[in-house]
mmCIF file of all heavy atoms, coordinates in Angstrom:
data_MODEL
# 
_entry.id   MODEL 
# 
loop_
_atom_site.group_PDB 
_atom_site.id 
_atom_site.type_symbol 
_atom_site.label_atom_id 
_atom_site.label_alt_id 
_atom_site.label_comp_id 
_atom_site.label_asym_id 
_atom_site.label_entity_id 
_atom_site.label_seq_id 
_atom_site.pdbx_PDB_ins_code 
_atom_site.Cartn_x 
_atom_site.Cartn_y 
_atom_site.Cartn_z 
_atom_site.occupancy 
_atom_site.B_iso_or_equiv 
_atom_site.pdbx_formal_charge 
_atom_site.auth_seq_id 
_atom_site.auth_comp_id 
_atom_site.auth_asym_id 
_atom_site.auth_atom_id 
_atom_site.pdbx_PDB_model_num 
ATOM 1   N N   . GLY A 1 1  ? 29.089 -34.094 -21.734 1.00 0.00 ? 1  GLY A N   1 
ATOM 2   C CA  . GLY A 1 1  ? 29.291 -35.515 -21.556 1.00 0.00 ? 1  GLY A CA  1 
ATOM 3   C C   . GLY A 1 1  ? 29.252 -35.998 -20.123 1.00 0.00 ? 1  GLY A C   1 
ATOM 4   O O   . GLY A 1 1  ? 29.088 -37.198 -19.885 1.00 0.00 ? 1  GLY A O   1 
ATOM 5   N N   . SER A 1 2  ? 29.423 -35.096 -19.183 1.00 0.00 ? 2  SER A N   1 
ATOM 6   C CA  . SER A 1 2  ? 29.411 -35.455 -17.768 1.00 0.00 ? 2  SER A CA  1 
ATOM 7   C C   . SER A 1 2  ? 28.443 -34.571 -17.012 1.00 0.00 ? 2  SER A C   1 
ATOM 8   O O   . SER A 1 2  ? 28.367 -33.367 -17.268 1.00 0.00 ? 2  SER A O   1 
ATOM 9   C CB  . SER A 1 2  ? 30.807 -35.318 -17.163 1.00 0.00 ? 2  SER A CB  1 
ATOM 10  O OG  . SER A 1 2  ? 31.723 -36.205 -17.778 1.00 0.00 ? 2  SER A OG  1 
ATOM 11  N N   . THR A 1 3  ? 27.720 -35.169 -16.090 1.00 0.00 ? 3  THR A N   1 
ATOM 12  C CA  . THR A 1 3  ? 26.793 -34.423 -15.250 1.00 0.00 ? 3  THR A CA  1 
ATOM 13  C C   . THR A 1 3  ? 26.960 -34.836 -13.801 1.00 0.00 ? 3  THR A C   1 
ATOM 14  O O   . THR A 1 3  ? 27.504 -35.900 -13.501 1.00 0.00 ? 3  THR A O   1 
ATOM 15  C CB  . THR A 1 3  ? 25.332 -34.647 -15.669 1.00 0.00 ? 3  THR A CB  1 
ATOM 16  O OG1 . THR A 1 3  ? 25.033 -36.053 -15.610 1.00 0.00 ? 3  THR A OG1 1 
ATOM 17  C CG2 . THR A 1 3  ? 25.084 -34.147 -17.081 1.00 0.00 ? 3  THR A CG2 1 
ATOM 18  N N   . SER A 1 4  ? 26.491 -33.989 -12.916 1.00 0.00 ? 4  SER A N   1 
ATOM 19  C CA  . SER A 1 4  ? 26.528 -34.274 -11.500 1.00 0.00 ? 4  SER A CA  1 
ATOM 20  C C   . SER A 1 4  ? 25.272 -33.705 -10.857 1.00 0.00 ? 4  SER A C   1 
ATOM 21  O O   . SER A 1 4  ? 24.800 -32.633 -11.251 1.00 0.00 ? 4  SER A O   1 
ATOM 22  C CB  . SER A 1 4  ? 27.779 -33.662 -10.859 1.00 0.00 ? 4  SER A CB  1 
ATOM 23  O OG  . SER A 1 4  ? 27.861 -33.991 -9.484  1.00 0.00 ? 4  SER A OG  1 
ATOM 24  N N   . TYR A 1 5  ? 24.733 -34.424 -9.875  1.00 0.00 ? 5  TYR A N   1 
ATOM 25  C CA  . TYR A 1 5  ? 23.504 -34.003 -9.225  1.00 0.00 ? 5  TYR A CA  1 
ATOM 26  C C   . TYR A 1 5  ? 23.610 -34.134 -7.719  1.00 0.00 ? 5  TYR A C   1 
ATOM 27  O O   . TYR A 1 5  ? 24.268 -35.036 -7.201  1.00 0.00 ? 5  TYR A O   1 
ATOM 28  C CB  . TYR A 1 5  ? 22.323 -34.853 -9.690  1.00 0.00 ? 5  TYR A CB  1 
ATOM 29  C CG  . TYR A 1 5  ? 22.023 -34.752 -11.163 1.00 0.00 ? 5  TYR A CG  1 
ATOM 30  C CD1 . TYR A 1 5  ? 22.584 -35.638 -12.072 1.00 0.00 ? 5  TYR A CD1 1 
ATOM 31  C CD2 . TYR A 1 5  ? 21.173 -33.759 -11.641 1.00 0.00 ? 5  TYR A CD2 1 
ATOM 32  C CE1 . TYR A 1 5  ? 22.315 -35.543 -13.427 1.00 0.00 ? 5  TYR A CE1 1 
ATOM 33  C CE2 . TYR A 1 5  ? 20.899 -33.656 -12.996 1.00 0.00 ? 5  TYR A CE2 1 
ATOM 34  C CZ  . TYR A 1 5  ? 21.467 -34.549 -13.881 1.00 0.00 ? 5  TYR A CZ  1 
ATOM 35  O OH  . TYR A 1 5  ? 21.195 -34.455 -15.226 1.00 0.00 ? 5  TYR A OH  1 
ATOM 36  N N   . ALA A 1 6  ? 22.934 -33.239 -7.034  1.00 0.00 ? 6  ALA A N   1 
ATOM 37  C CA  . ALA A 1 6  ? 22.786 -33.389 -5.598  1.00 0.00 ? 6  ALA A CA  1 
ATOM 38  C C   . ALA A 1 6  ? 21.915 -34.609 -5.329  1.00 0.00 ? 6  ALA A C   1 
ATOM 39  O O   . ALA A 1 6  ? 21.015 -34.932 -6.109  1.00 0.00 ? 6  ALA A O   1 
ATOM 40  C CB  . ALA A 1 6  ? 22.149 -32.147 -4.995  1.00 0.00 ? 6  ALA A CB  1 
ATOM 41  N N   . ASP A 1 7  ? 22.179 -35.277 -4.220  1.00 0.00 ? 7  ASP A N   1 
ATOM 42  C CA  . ASP A 1 7  ? 21.407 -36.469 -3.889  1.00 0.00 ? 7  ASP A CA  1 
ATOM 43  C C   . ASP A 1 7  ? 19.910 -36.181 -3.800  1.00 0.00 ? 7  ASP A C   1 
ATOM 44  O O   . ASP A 1 7  ? 19.079 -37.034 -4.131  1.00 0.00 ? 7  ASP A O   1 
ATOM 45  C CB  . ASP A 1 7  ? 21.886 -37.059 -2.566  1.00 0.00 ? 7  ASP A CB  1 
ATOM 46  C CG  . ASP A 1 7  ? 23.251 -37.707 -2.672  1.00 0.00 ? 7  ASP A CG  1 
ATOM 47  O OD1 . ASP A 1 7  ? 23.679 -38.032 -3.796  1.00 0.00 ? 7  ASP A OD1 1 
ATOM 48  O OD2 . ASP A 1 7  ? 23.900 -37.893 -1.628  1.00 0.00 ? 7  ASP A OD2 1 
ATOM 49  N N   . SER A 1 8  ? 19.566 -34.992 -3.369  1.00 0.00 ? 8  SER A N   1 
ATOM 50  C CA  . SER A 1 8  ? 18.170 -34.635 -3.169  1.00 0.00 ? 8  SER A CA  1 
ATOM 51  C C   . SER A 1 8  ? 17.366 -34.538 -4.466  1.00 0.00 ? 8  SER A C   1 
ATOM 52  O O   . SER A 1 8  ? 16.139 -34.600 -4.440  1.00 0.00 ? 8  SER A O   1 
ATOM 53  C CB  . SER A 1 8  ? 18.068 -33.310 -2.407  1.00 0.00 ? 8  SER A CB  1 
ATOM 54  O OG  . SER A 1 8  ? 18.716 -32.270 -3.110  1.00 0.00 ? 8  SER A OG  1 
ATOM 55  N N   . VAL A 1 9  ? 18.058 -34.378 -5.594  1.00 0.00 ? 9  VAL A N   1 
ATOM 56  C CA  . VAL A 1 9  ? 17.358 -34.223 -6.867  1.00 0.00 ? 9  VAL A CA  1 
ATOM 57  C C   . VAL A 1 9  ? 17.674 -35.329 -7.858  1.00 0.00 ? 9  VAL A C   1 
ATOM 58  O O   . VAL A 1 9  ? 17.052 -35.390 -8.932  1.00 0.00 ? 9  VAL A O   1 
ATOM 59  C CB  . VAL A 1 9  ? 17.657 -32.856 -7.515  1.00 0.00 ? 9  VAL A CB  1 
ATOM 60  C CG1 . VAL A 1 9  ? 17.356 -31.728 -6.540  1.00 0.00 ? 9  VAL A CG1 1 
ATOM 61  C CG2 . VAL A 1 9  ? 19.107 -32.783 -7.996  1.00 0.00 ? 9  VAL A CG2 1 
ATOM 62  N N   . LYS A 1 10 ? 18.600 -36.184 -7.527  1.00 0.00 ? 10 LYS A N   1 
ATOM 63  C CA  . LYS A 1 10 ? 19.007 -37.252 -8.433  1.00 0.00 ? 10 LYS A CA  1 
ATOM 64  C C   . LYS A 1 10 ? 17.815 -38.133 -8.798  1.00 0.00 ? 10 LYS A C   1 
ATOM 65  O O   . LYS A 1 10 ? 17.058 -38.569 -7.940  1.00 0.00 ? 10 LYS A O   1 
ATOM 66  C CB  . LYS A 1 10 ? 20.117 -38.082 -7.787  1.00 0.00 ? 10 LYS A CB  1 
ATOM 67  C CG  . LYS A 1 10 ? 20.801 -39.066 -8.724  1.00 0.00 ? 10 LYS A CG  1 
ATOM 68  C CD  . LYS A 1 10 ? 22.001 -39.718 -8.045  1.00 0.00 ? 10 LYS A CD  1 
ATOM 69  C CE  . LYS A 1 10 ? 23.058 -38.690 -7.677  1.00 0.00 ? 10 LYS A CE  1 
ATOM 70  N NZ  . LYS A 1 10 ? 24.262 -39.317 -7.064  1.00 0.00 ? 10 LYS A NZ  1 
ATOM 71  N N   . GLY A 1 11 ? 17.670 -38.378 -10.084 1.00 0.00 ? 11 GLY A N   1 
ATOM 72  C CA  . GLY A 1 11 ? 16.566 -39.179 -10.564 1.00 0.00 ? 11 GLY A CA  1 
ATOM 73  C C   . GLY A 1 11 ? 15.336 -38.375 -10.905 1.00 0.00 ? 11 GLY A C   1 
ATOM 74  O O   . GLY A 1 11 ? 14.417 -38.891 -11.556 1.00 0.00 ? 11 GLY A O   1 
ATOM 75  N N   . ARG A 1 12 ? 15.300 -37.120 -10.477 1.00 0.00 ? 12 ARG A N   1 
ATOM 76  C CA  . ARG A 1 12 ? 14.154 -36.256 -10.750 1.00 0.00 ? 12 ARG A CA  1 
ATOM 77  C C   . ARG A 1 12 ? 14.503 -35.094 -11.680 1.00 0.00 ? 12 ARG A C   1 
ATOM 78  O O   . ARG A 1 12 ? 13.671 -34.671 -12.481 1.00 0.00 ? 12 ARG A O   1 
ATOM 79  C CB  . ARG A 1 12 ? 13.577 -35.693 -9.450  1.00 0.00 ? 12 ARG A CB  1 
ATOM 80  C CG  . ARG A 1 12 ? 13.066 -36.758 -8.491  1.00 0.00 ? 12 ARG A CG  1 
ATOM 81  C CD  . ARG A 1 12 ? 12.329 -36.128 -7.313  1.00 0.00 ? 12 ARG A CD  1 
ATOM 82  N NE  . ARG A 1 12 ? 13.210 -35.279 -6.504  1.00 0.00 ? 12 ARG A NE  1 
ATOM 83  C CZ  . ARG A 1 12 ? 13.021 -33.970 -6.307  1.00 0.00 ? 12 ARG A CZ  1 
ATOM 84  N NH1 . ARG A 1 12 ? 11.969 -33.363 -6.845  1.00 0.00 ? 12 ARG A NH1 1 
ATOM 85  N NH2 . ARG A 1 12 ? 13.869 -33.278 -5.549  1.00 0.00 ? 12 ARG A NH2 1 
ATOM 86  N N   . PHE A 1 13 ? 15.709 -34.574 -11.538 1.00 0.00 ? 13 PHE A N   1 
ATOM 87  C CA  . PHE A 1 13 ? 16.146 -33.431 -12.337 1.00 0.00 ? 13 PHE A CA  1 
ATOM 88  C C   . PHE A 1 13 ? 17.140 -33.883 -13.394 1.00 0.00 ? 13 PHE A C   1 
ATOM 89  O O   . PHE A 1 13 ? 17.920 -34.818 -13.188 1.00 0.00 ? 13 PHE A O   1 
ATOM 90  C CB  . PHE A 1 13 ? 16.829 -32.383 -11.461 1.00 0.00 ? 13 PHE A CB  1 
ATOM 91  C CG  . PHE A 1 13 ? 15.923 -31.653 -10.511 1.00 0.00 ? 13 PHE A CG  1 
ATOM 92  C CD1 . PHE A 1 13 ? 14.612 -32.048 -10.295 1.00 0.00 ? 13 PHE A CD1 1 
ATOM 93  C CD2 . PHE A 1 13 ? 16.407 -30.546 -9.826  1.00 0.00 ? 13 PHE A CD2 1 
ATOM 94  C CE1 . PHE A 1 13 ? 13.791 -31.367 -9.407  1.00 0.00 ? 13 PHE A CE1 1 
ATOM 95  C CE2 . PHE A 1 13 ? 15.599 -29.855 -8.943  1.00 0.00 ? 13 PHE A CE2 1 
ATOM 96  C CZ  . PHE A 1 13 ? 14.287 -30.265 -8.735  1.00 0.00 ? 13 PHE A CZ  1 
ATOM 97  N N   . THR A 1 14 ? 17.131 -33.188 -14.515 1.00 0.00 ? 14 THR A N   1 
ATOM 98  C CA  . THR A 1 14 ? 18.080 -33.458 -15.584 1.00 0.00 ? 14 THR A CA  1 
ATOM 99  C C   . THR A 1 14 ? 18.639 -32.148 -16.111 1.00 0.00 ? 14 THR A C   1 
ATOM 100 O O   . THR A 1 14 ? 17.884 -31.260 -16.504 1.00 0.00 ? 14 THR A O   1 
ATOM 101 C CB  . THR A 1 14 ? 17.429 -34.223 -16.745 1.00 0.00 ? 14 THR A CB  1 
ATOM 102 O OG1 . THR A 1 14 ? 16.878 -35.454 -16.269 1.00 0.00 ? 14 THR A OG1 1 
ATOM 103 C CG2 . THR A 1 14 ? 18.464 -34.527 -17.825 1.00 0.00 ? 14 THR A CG2 1 
ATOM 104 N N   . ILE A 1 15 ? 19.950 -32.033 -16.104 1.00 0.00 ? 15 ILE A N   1 
ATOM 105 C CA  . ILE A 1 15 ? 20.598 -30.847 -16.651 1.00 0.00 ? 15 ILE A CA  1 
ATOM 106 C C   . ILE A 1 15 ? 21.076 -31.154 -18.059 1.00 0.00 ? 15 ILE A C   1 
ATOM 107 O O   . ILE A 1 15 ? 21.529 -32.265 -18.348 1.00 0.00 ? 15 ILE A O   1 
ATOM 108 C CB  . ILE A 1 15 ? 21.766 -30.382 -15.755 1.00 0.00 ? 15 ILE A CB  1 
ATOM 109 C CG1 . ILE A 1 15 ? 22.319 -29.034 -16.238 1.00 0.00 ? 15 ILE A CG1 1 
ATOM 110 C CG2 . ILE A 1 15 ? 22.865 -31.432 -15.686 1.00 0.00 ? 15 ILE A CG2 1 
ATOM 111 C CD1 . ILE A 1 15 ? 23.328 -28.404 -15.273 1.00 0.00 ? 15 ILE A CD1 1 
ATOM 112 N N   . SER A 1 16 ? 20.965 -30.187 -18.937 1.00 0.00 ? 16 SER A N   1 
ATOM 113 C CA  . SER A 1 16 ? 21.427 -30.351 -20.305 1.00 0.00 ? 16 SER A CA  1 
ATOM 114 C C   . SER A 1 16 ? 21.874 -28.999 -20.837 1.00 0.00 ? 16 SER A C   1 
ATOM 115 O O   . SER A 1 16 ? 21.621 -27.959 -20.215 1.00 0.00 ? 16 SER A O   1 
ATOM 116 C CB  . SER A 1 16 ? 20.325 -30.946 -21.190 1.00 0.00 ? 16 SER A CB  1 
ATOM 117 O OG  . SER A 1 16 ? 19.203 -30.083 -21.253 1.00 0.00 ? 16 SER A OG  1 
ATOM 118 N N   . ARG A 1 17 ? 22.544 -29.016 -21.970 1.00 0.00 ? 17 ARG A N   1 
ATOM 119 C CA  . ARG A 1 17 ? 22.975 -27.754 -22.559 1.00 0.00 ? 17 ARG A CA  1 
ATOM 120 C C   . ARG A 1 17 ? 22.937 -27.829 -24.068 1.00 0.00 ? 17 ARG A C   1 
ATOM 121 O O   . ARG A 1 17 ? 23.081 -28.893 -24.666 1.00 0.00 ? 17 ARG A O   1 
ATOM 122 C CB  . ARG A 1 17 ? 24.380 -27.367 -22.072 1.00 0.00 ? 17 ARG A CB  1 
ATOM 123 C CG  . ARG A 1 17 ? 25.501 -28.284 -22.542 1.00 0.00 ? 17 ARG A CG  1 
ATOM 124 C CD  . ARG A 1 17 ? 26.803 -27.963 -21.808 1.00 0.00 ? 17 ARG A CD  1 
ATOM 125 N NE  . ARG A 1 17 ? 27.286 -26.622 -22.105 1.00 0.00 ? 17 ARG A NE  1 
ATOM 126 C CZ  . ARG A 1 17 ? 28.181 -25.967 -21.361 1.00 0.00 ? 17 ARG A CZ  1 
ATOM 127 N NH1 . ARG A 1 17 ? 28.674 -26.528 -20.260 1.00 0.00 ? 17 ARG A NH1 1 
ATOM 128 N NH2 . ARG A 1 17 ? 28.580 -24.752 -21.718 1.00 0.00 ? 17 ARG A NH2 1 
ATOM 129 N N   . ASP A 1 18 ? 22.747 -26.690 -24.667 1.00 0.00 ? 18 ASP A N   1 
ATOM 130 C CA  . ASP A 1 18 ? 22.774 -26.547 -26.105 1.00 0.00 ? 18 ASP A CA  1 
ATOM 131 C C   . ASP A 1 18 ? 23.756 -25.428 -26.395 1.00 0.00 ? 18 ASP A C   1 
ATOM 132 O O   . ASP A 1 18 ? 23.411 -24.249 -26.313 1.00 0.00 ? 18 ASP A O   1 
ATOM 133 C CB  . ASP A 1 18 ? 21.388 -26.223 -26.653 1.00 0.00 ? 18 ASP A CB  1 
ATOM 134 C CG  . ASP A 1 18 ? 21.351 -26.207 -28.168 1.00 0.00 ? 18 ASP A CG  1 
ATOM 135 O OD1 . ASP A 1 18 ? 22.407 -26.057 -28.807 1.00 0.00 ? 18 ASP A OD1 1 
ATOM 136 O OD2 . ASP A 1 18 ? 20.245 -26.348 -28.726 1.00 0.00 ? 18 ASP A OD2 1 
ATOM 137 N N   . ASN A 1 19 ? 24.981 -25.794 -26.705 1.00 0.00 ? 19 ASN A N   1 
ATOM 138 C CA  . ASN A 1 19 ? 26.020 -24.794 -26.899 1.00 0.00 ? 19 ASN A CA  1 
ATOM 139 C C   . ASN A 1 19 ? 25.763 -23.902 -28.115 1.00 0.00 ? 19 ASN A C   1 
ATOM 140 O O   . ASN A 1 19 ? 26.186 -22.746 -28.142 1.00 0.00 ? 19 ASN A O   1 
ATOM 141 C CB  . ASN A 1 19 ? 27.388 -25.472 -27.030 1.00 0.00 ? 19 ASN A CB  1 
ATOM 142 C CG  . ASN A 1 19 ? 27.876 -26.034 -25.717 1.00 0.00 ? 19 ASN A CG  1 
ATOM 143 O OD1 . ASN A 1 19 ? 27.430 -25.628 -24.643 1.00 0.00 ? 19 ASN A OD1 1 
ATOM 144 N ND2 . ASN A 1 19 ? 28.808 -26.978 -25.775 1.00 0.00 ? 19 ASN A ND2 1 
ATOM 145 N N   . ALA A 1 20 ? 25.079 -24.439 -29.109 1.00 0.00 ? 20 ALA A N   1 
ATOM 146 C CA  . ALA A 1 20 ? 24.742 -23.641 -30.281 1.00 0.00 ? 20 ALA A CA  1 
ATOM 147 C C   . ALA A 1 20 ? 23.805 -22.498 -29.923 1.00 0.00 ? 20 ALA A C   1 
ATOM 148 O O   . ALA A 1 20 ? 23.801 -21.458 -30.580 1.00 0.00 ? 20 ALA A O   1 
ATOM 149 C CB  . ALA A 1 20 ? 24.120 -24.514 -31.357 1.00 0.00 ? 20 ALA A CB  1 
ATOM 150 N N   . LYS A 1 21 ? 23.008 -22.694 -28.877 1.00 0.00 ? 21 LYS A N   1 
ATOM 151 C CA  . LYS A 1 21 ? 22.074 -21.673 -28.426 1.00 0.00 ? 21 LYS A CA  1 
ATOM 152 C C   . LYS A 1 21 ? 22.571 -20.937 -27.185 1.00 0.00 ? 21 LYS A C   1 
ATOM 153 O O   . LYS A 1 21 ? 21.861 -20.080 -26.649 1.00 0.00 ? 21 LYS A O   1 
ATOM 154 C CB  . LYS A 1 21 ? 20.715 -22.293 -28.119 1.00 0.00 ? 21 LYS A CB  1 
ATOM 155 C CG  . LYS A 1 21 ? 20.019 -22.882 -29.332 1.00 0.00 ? 21 LYS A CG  1 
ATOM 156 C CD  . LYS A 1 21 ? 18.656 -23.431 -28.961 1.00 0.00 ? 21 LYS A CD  1 
ATOM 157 C CE  . LYS A 1 21 ? 17.930 -23.965 -30.175 1.00 0.00 ? 21 LYS A CE  1 
ATOM 158 N NZ  . LYS A 1 21 ? 16.593 -24.511 -29.823 1.00 0.00 ? 21 LYS A NZ  1 
ATOM 159 N N   . ASN A 1 22 ? 23.766 -21.280 -26.724 1.00 0.00 ? 22 ASN A N   1 
ATOM 160 C CA  . ASN A 1 22 ? 24.329 -20.671 -25.514 1.00 0.00 ? 22 ASN A CA  1 
ATOM 161 C C   . ASN A 1 22 ? 23.359 -20.771 -24.344 1.00 0.00 ? 22 ASN A C   1 
ATOM 162 O O   . ASN A 1 22 ? 23.153 -19.809 -23.596 1.00 0.00 ? 22 ASN A O   1 
ATOM 163 C CB  . ASN A 1 22 ? 24.698 -19.207 -25.757 1.00 0.00 ? 22 ASN A CB  1 
ATOM 164 C CG  . ASN A 1 22 ? 25.868 -19.044 -26.696 1.00 0.00 ? 22 ASN A CG  1 
ATOM 165 O OD1 . ASN A 1 22 ? 26.685 -19.952 -26.856 1.00 0.00 ? 22 ASN A OD1 1 
ATOM 166 N ND2 . ASN A 1 22 ? 25.967 -17.881 -27.322 1.00 0.00 ? 22 ASN A ND2 1 
ATOM 167 N N   . THR A 1 23 ? 22.785 -21.938 -24.180 1.00 0.00 ? 23 THR A N   1 
ATOM 168 C CA  . THR A 1 23 ? 21.740 -22.118 -23.178 1.00 0.00 ? 23 THR A CA  1 
ATOM 169 C C   . THR A 1 23 ? 21.926 -23.420 -22.414 1.00 0.00 ? 23 THR A C   1 
ATOM 170 O O   . THR A 1 23 ? 22.278 -24.446 -22.997 1.00 0.00 ? 23 THR A O   1 
ATOM 171 C CB  . THR A 1 23 ? 20.352 -22.103 -23.832 1.00 0.00 ? 23 THR A CB  1 
ATOM 172 O OG1 . THR A 1 23 ? 20.169 -20.871 -24.538 1.00 0.00 ? 23 THR A OG1 1 
ATOM 173 C CG2 . THR A 1 23 ? 19.258 -22.231 -22.784 1.00 0.00 ? 23 THR A CG2 1 
ATOM 174 N N   . VAL A 1 24 ? 21.682 -23.366 -21.121 1.00 0.00 ? 24 VAL A N   1 
ATOM 175 C CA  . VAL A 1 24 ? 21.676 -24.552 -20.281 1.00 0.00 ? 24 VAL A CA  1 
ATOM 176 C C   . VAL A 1 24 ? 20.280 -24.699 -19.691 1.00 0.00 ? 24 VAL A C   1 
ATOM 177 O O   . VAL A 1 24 ? 19.608 -23.703 -19.407 1.00 0.00 ? 24 VAL A O   1 
ATOM 178 C CB  . VAL A 1 24 ? 22.758 -24.468 -19.177 1.00 0.00 ? 24 VAL A CB  1 
ATOM 179 C CG1 . VAL A 1 24 ? 22.513 -23.291 -18.252 1.00 0.00 ? 24 VAL A CG1 1 
ATOM 180 C CG2 . VAL A 1 24 ? 22.823 -25.772 -18.397 1.00 0.00 ? 24 VAL A CG2 1 
ATOM 181 N N   . TYR A 1 25 ? 19.843 -25.933 -19.520 1.00 0.00 ? 25 TYR A N   1 
ATOM 182 C CA  . TYR A 1 25 ? 18.495 -26.211 -19.051 1.00 0.00 ? 25 TYR A CA  1 
ATOM 183 C C   . TYR A 1 25 ? 18.518 -27.060 -17.787 1.00 0.00 ? 25 TYR A C   1 
ATOM 184 O O   . TYR A 1 25 ? 19.458 -27.804 -17.529 1.00 0.00 ? 25 TYR A O   1 
ATOM 185 C CB  . TYR A 1 25 ? 17.698 -26.962 -20.111 1.00 0.00 ? 25 TYR A CB  1 
ATOM 186 C CG  . TYR A 1 25 ? 17.655 -26.284 -21.452 1.00 0.00 ? 25 TYR A CG  1 
ATOM 187 C CD1 . TYR A 1 25 ? 18.563 -26.621 -22.453 1.00 0.00 ? 25 TYR A CD1 1 
ATOM 188 C CD2 . TYR A 1 25 ? 16.705 -25.307 -21.725 1.00 0.00 ? 25 TYR A CD2 1 
ATOM 189 C CE1 . TYR A 1 25 ? 18.529 -26.005 -23.689 1.00 0.00 ? 25 TYR A CE1 1 
ATOM 190 C CE2 . TYR A 1 25 ? 16.668 -24.684 -22.960 1.00 0.00 ? 25 TYR A CE2 1 
ATOM 191 C CZ  . TYR A 1 25 ? 17.580 -25.037 -23.940 1.00 0.00 ? 25 TYR A CZ  1 
ATOM 192 O OH  . TYR A 1 25 ? 17.536 -24.414 -25.162 1.00 0.00 ? 25 TYR A OH  1 
ATOM 193 N N   . LEU A 1 26 ? 17.470 -26.947 -17.030 1.00 0.00 ? 26 LEU A N   1 
ATOM 194 C CA  . LEU A 1 26 ? 17.253 -27.833 -15.903 1.00 0.00 ? 26 LEU A CA  1 
ATOM 195 C C   . LEU A 1 26 ? 15.815 -28.317 -15.964 1.00 0.00 ? 26 LEU A C   1 
ATOM 196 O O   . LEU A 1 26 ? 14.886 -27.556 -15.700 1.00 0.00 ? 26 LEU A O   1 
ATOM 197 C CB  . LEU A 1 26 ? 17.516 -27.126 -14.569 1.00 0.00 ? 26 LEU A CB  1 
ATOM 198 C CG  . LEU A 1 26 ? 17.408 -28.015 -13.331 1.00 0.00 ? 26 LEU A CG  1 
ATOM 199 C CD1 . LEU A 1 26 ? 18.524 -29.062 -13.329 1.00 0.00 ? 26 LEU A CD1 1 
ATOM 200 C CD2 . LEU A 1 26 ? 17.461 -27.187 -12.053 1.00 0.00 ? 26 LEU A CD2 1 
ATOM 201 N N   . GLN A 1 27 ? 15.654 -29.568 -16.343 1.00 0.00 ? 27 GLN A N   1 
ATOM 202 C CA  . GLN A 1 27 ? 14.337 -30.179 -16.368 1.00 0.00 ? 27 GLN A CA  1 
ATOM 203 C C   . GLN A 1 27 ? 14.055 -30.761 -14.993 1.00 0.00 ? 27 GLN A C   1 
ATOM 204 O O   . GLN A 1 27 ? 14.803 -31.608 -14.509 1.00 0.00 ? 27 GLN A O   1 
ATOM 205 C CB  . GLN A 1 27 ? 14.274 -31.287 -17.425 1.00 0.00 ? 27 GLN A CB  1 
ATOM 206 C CG  . GLN A 1 27 ? 12.945 -32.023 -17.497 1.00 0.00 ? 27 GLN A CG  1 
ATOM 207 C CD  . GLN A 1 27 ? 11.814 -31.136 -17.951 1.00 0.00 ? 27 GLN A CD  1 
ATOM 208 O OE1 . GLN A 1 27 ? 11.955 -30.417 -18.942 1.00 0.00 ? 27 GLN A OE1 1 
ATOM 209 N NE2 . GLN A 1 27 ? 10.697 -31.158 -17.235 1.00 0.00 ? 27 GLN A NE2 1 
ATOM 210 N N   . MET A 1 28 ? 12.995 -30.310 -14.377 1.00 0.00 ? 28 MET A N   1 
ATOM 211 C CA  . MET A 1 28 ? 12.654 -30.726 -13.027 1.00 0.00 ? 28 MET A CA  1 
ATOM 212 C C   . MET A 1 28 ? 11.336 -31.486 -13.057 1.00 0.00 ? 28 MET A C   1 
ATOM 213 O O   . MET A 1 28 ? 10.303 -30.926 -13.425 1.00 0.00 ? 28 MET A O   1 
ATOM 214 C CB  . MET A 1 28 ? 12.551 -29.518 -12.100 1.00 0.00 ? 28 MET A CB  1 
ATOM 215 C CG  . MET A 1 28 ? 13.806 -28.655 -12.088 1.00 0.00 ? 28 MET A CG  1 
ATOM 216 S SD  . MET A 1 28 ? 13.705 -27.271 -10.913 1.00 0.00 ? 28 MET A SD  1 
ATOM 217 C CE  . MET A 1 28 ? 12.422 -26.301 -11.703 1.00 0.00 ? 28 MET A CE  1 
# 
């Protein structure tokens, strides 16, 4: 429900997670 980004990547990168798959993603 909450995310945080470095200023250098804000607006370009998106972090997400799928707990059912025990996986976190970083879309760049």
